[in-house]
Amino acid sequence: MKDLGTHLFLFVLVSAAFVVIAAFYSEATDGPALRSVPRRLIMFLLGCAVLAGVMLLVEHTLASVS
């Protein structure tokens, strides 16, 4: 994979923007919204990693060509 580090950095950057926007829309005040961003970002990235792992497992199991 070419430029994996760059792609991961850009993914985390865009993910952080989505998470910050979602945090501010879900909380009534700014203080709790800012405090919830790190937990939300970790959970979002963990969920994306699990989804990618499941997709790779399904691809390896069902779409393998021998």
Protein backbone atom coordinates (compact mmCIF):
# COMPACT_ATOMS: atom_id res chain seq x y z
CA MET A 1 0.00 0.00 0.00
CA LYS A 2 1.43 3.27 -1.09
CA ASP A 3 1.35 6.18 1.38
CA LEU A 4 -0.45 4.27 4.14
CA GLY A 5 0.68 6.75 6.79
CA THR A 6 -0.67 9.70 4.83
CA HIS A 7 -4.01 8.01 4.26
CA LEU A 8 -4.36 7.05 7.93
CA PHE A 9 -3.50 10.61 8.99
CA LEU A 10 -6.10 12.06 6.63
CA PHE A 11 -8.69 9.53 7.82
CA VAL A 12 -8.10 10.47 11.46
CA LEU A 13 -8.24 14.17 10.58
CA VAL A 14 -11.57 13.87 8.78
CA SER A 15 -12.90 11.56 11.50
CA ALA A 16 -11.99 14.12 14.15
CA ALA A 17 -13.92 16.78 12.26
CA PHE A 18 -17.01 14.55 12.08
CA VAL A 19 -16.77 13.63 15.75
CA VAL A 20 -16.37 17.25 16.88
CA ILE A 21 -19.39 18.33 14.84
CA ALA A 22 -21.47 15.44 16.20
CA ALA A 23 -20.39 16.22 19.78
CA PHE A 24 -21.45 19.85 19.49
CA TYR A 25 -24.79 18.89 17.96
CA SER A 26 -25.53 16.31 20.66
CA GLU A 27 -24.63 18.40 23.75
CA ALA A 28 -26.44 21.54 24.85
CA THR A 29 -23.32 23.28 26.19
CA ASP A 30 -19.74 23.48 24.96
CA GLY A 31 -17.98 22.13 28.08
CA PRO A 32 -19.44 18.62 28.06
CA ALA A 33 -19.15 18.51 24.27
CA LEU A 34 -15.41 19.22 24.34
CA ARG A 35 -14.84 16.73 27.15
CA SER A 36 -16.65 13.99 25.21
CA VAL A 37 -14.62 14.39 22.00
CA PRO A 38 -11.64 12.13 22.91
CA ARG A 39 -13.91 9.27 24.04
CA ARG A 40 -16.12 9.66 20.99
CA LEU A 41 -13.12 9.75 18.64
CA ILE A 42 -11.60 6.61 20.16
CA MET A 43 -14.92 4.78 19.93
CA PHE A 44 -15.42 5.90 16.33
CA LEU A 45 -11.94 4.79 15.27
CA LEU A 46 -12.31 1.51 17.15
CA GLY A 47 -15.64 0.88 15.43
CA CYS A 48 -14.08 1.62 12.03
CA ALA A 49 -11.21 -0.78 12.80
CA VAL A 50 -13.63 -3.54 13.80
CA LEU A 51 -15.67 -2.96 10.65
CA ALA A 52 -12.53 -3.09 8.48
CA GLY A 53 -11.47 -6.31 10.22
CA VAL A 54 -14.85 -7.93 9.61
CA MET A 55 -14.77 -6.86 5.98
CA LEU A 56 -11.28 -8.33 5.52
CA LEU A 57 -12.35 -11.55 7.22
CA VAL A 58 -15.41 -11.87 4.97
CA GLU A 59 -13.31 -11.10 1.91
CA HIS A 60 -10.74 -13.71 2.88
CA THR A 61 -13.42 -16.31 3.64
CA LEU A 62 -15.95 -15.79 0.86
CA ALA A 63 -14.21 -13.97 -1.95
CA SER A 64 -10.96 -15.90 -2.09
CA VAL A 65 -10.01 -17.26 -5.48
CA SER A 66 -7.92 -20.41 -5.41
